């Protein structure tokens, strides 16, 4: 059975979308990208966002569309991809690993904000 690709939407830069791209590649989950540019921000703000907000009132970039699901927030996307790809072990195989993963994620988020 072939898996339908999910759609990742983000700006035309790495930023918060890059780690989602990396986990999509790592898990081999098929995906397409919907890229928005700073030169034409209205494509996101005026065209796409109003449509998606009907399905997810908290919609923002990056987002992931999988069938009827419209998901946003990069941490949530990471968790979703791990489950959707069948690689839940990426979330930690036990409580201690989960704590370590969340700690590293927090440190990385702090570093990201500094840069």
Protein backbone atom coordinates (compact mmCIF):
# COMPACT_ATOMS: atom_id res chain seq x y z
CA UNK A 1 0.00 0.00 0.00
CA UNK A 2 1.47 3.34 -1.05
CA UNK A 3 1.42 6.21 1.40
CA UNK A 4 -0.14 9.45 0.20
CA UNK A 5 2.31 12.32 0.55
CA UNK A 6 1.77 14.93 3.23
CA UNK A 7 2.20 18.62 2.41
CA UNK A 8 4.63 20.80 4.32
CA UNK A 9 4.04 24.53 4.08
CA UNK A 10 6.66 27.11 5.06
CA UNK A 11 8.54 30.19 3.94
CA UNK A 12 11.31 29.87 1.34
CA UNK A 13 13.98 29.55 4.03
CA UNK A 14 15.18 26.94 6.49
CA UNK A 15 14.05 28.25 9.87
CA UNK A 16 11.54 26.19 11.83
CA UNK A 17 10.57 24.22 8.74
CA UNK A 18 14.01 22.71 8.29
CA UNK A 19 13.81 20.27 11.19
CA UNK A 20 10.44 19.10 9.86
CA UNK A 21 12.01 18.57 6.43
CA UNK A 22 14.84 16.64 8.05
CA UNK A 23 12.53 14.26 9.93
CA UNK A 24 10.40 13.79 6.79
CA UNK A 25 13.55 12.80 4.89
CA UNK A 26 14.86 10.61 7.73
CA UNK A 27 11.58 8.70 8.04
CA UNK A 28 11.11 8.45 4.26
CA UNK A 29 7.58 9.79 4.63
CA UNK A 30 6.57 11.07 1.17
CA UNK A 31 5.90 14.80 1.12
CA UNK A 32 5.44 17.80 -1.10
CA UNK A 33 6.20 21.38 -0.19
CA UNK A 34 4.15 24.52 -0.40
CA UNK A 35 6.64 27.39 -0.37
CA UNK A 36 5.75 31.00 0.42
CA UNK A 37 8.09 33.90 -0.35
CA UNK A 38 8.80 37.28 1.21
CA UNK A 39 8.34 38.79 -2.26
CA UNK A 40 4.71 37.64 -2.34
CA UNK A 41 3.58 37.29 1.31
CA UNK A 42 -0.04 37.83 0.29
CA UNK A 43 -0.08 34.28 -1.10
CA UNK A 44 0.17 33.10 2.51
CA UNK A 45 -1.66 35.83 4.39
CA UNK A 46 -4.49 36.58 1.95
CA UNK A 47 -4.89 33.40 -0.08
CA UNK A 48 -3.86 30.28 1.82
CA UNK A 49 -4.13 31.17 5.53
CA UNK A 50 -7.83 32.18 5.47
CA UNK A 51 -8.67 28.85 3.81
CA UNK A 52 -6.66 26.77 6.30
CA UNK A 53 -7.83 28.67 9.39
CA UNK A 54 -11.27 27.11 8.84
CA UNK A 55 -9.71 23.69 9.54
CA UNK A 56 -7.25 24.81 12.23
CA UNK A 57 -7.90 28.10 14.08
CA UNK A 58 -4.27 28.07 15.33
CA UNK A 59 -2.79 27.73 11.83
CA UNK A 60 0.62 29.23 11.26
CA UNK A 61 3.81 28.41 9.40
CA UNK A 62 5.12 25.77 9.29
CA UNK A 63 2.06 23.60 8.71
CA UNK A 64 1.45 20.04 7.60
CA UNK A 65 -1.57 18.77 5.68
CA UNK A 66 -2.36 15.07 5.74
CA UNK A 67 -5.73 14.34 4.19
CA UNK A 68 -8.28 16.23 6.31
CA UNK A 69 -5.74 17.01 9.03
CA UNK A 70 -4.21 20.47 9.11
CA UNK A 71 -1.51 20.72 11.77
CA UNK A 72 0.73 23.59 12.83
CA UNK A 73 3.50 24.28 15.34
CA UNK A 74 6.87 22.74 14.52
CA UNK A 75 7.11 20.59 17.67
CA UNK A 76 3.68 19.13 16.96
CA UNK A 77 4.70 18.42 13.37
CA UNK A 78 7.75 16.50 14.58
CA UNK A 79 5.59 14.31 16.85
CA UNK A 80 3.03 13.79 14.09
CA UNK A 81 5.66 12.71 11.53
CA UNK A 82 7.21 10.26 14.00
CA UNK A 83 3.79 8.64 14.57
CA UNK A 84 2.64 8.85 10.93
CA UNK A 85 5.84 7.23 9.67
CA UNK A 86 5.60 4.41 12.20
CA UNK A 87 8.86 5.47 13.86
CA UNK A 88 7.53 6.35 17.30
CA UNK A 89 10.88 5.37 18.81
CA UNK A 90 12.11 8.79 17.64
CA UNK A 91 10.04 10.21 20.50
CA UNK A 92 11.92 8.11 23.05
CA UNK A 93 11.52 4.44 23.88
CA UNK A 94 11.01 5.11 27.58
CA UNK A 95 10.43 7.93 30.05
CA UNK A 96 14.13 8.74 30.51
CA UNK A 97 14.71 9.00 26.75
CA UNK A 98 11.63 11.21 26.42
CA UNK A 99 13.02 13.52 29.11
CA UNK A 100 16.39 13.67 27.35
CA UNK A 101 14.78 14.41 24.00
CA UNK A 102 12.62 17.19 25.44
CA UNK A 103 15.63 18.67 27.23
CA UNK A 104 17.72 18.71 24.04
CA UNK A 105 14.79 20.22 22.14
CA UNK A 106 14.52 23.00 24.72
CA UNK A 107 18.24 23.74 24.55
CA UNK A 108 18.14 23.83 20.76
CA UNK A 109 15.12 26.13 20.80
CA UNK A 110 16.99 28.49 23.11
CA UNK A 111 20.03 28.47 20.82
CA UNK A 112 17.79 29.06 17.79
CA UNK A 113 16.31 32.15 19.44
CA UNK A 114 19.79 33.48 20.22
CA UNK A 115 20.77 33.30 16.57
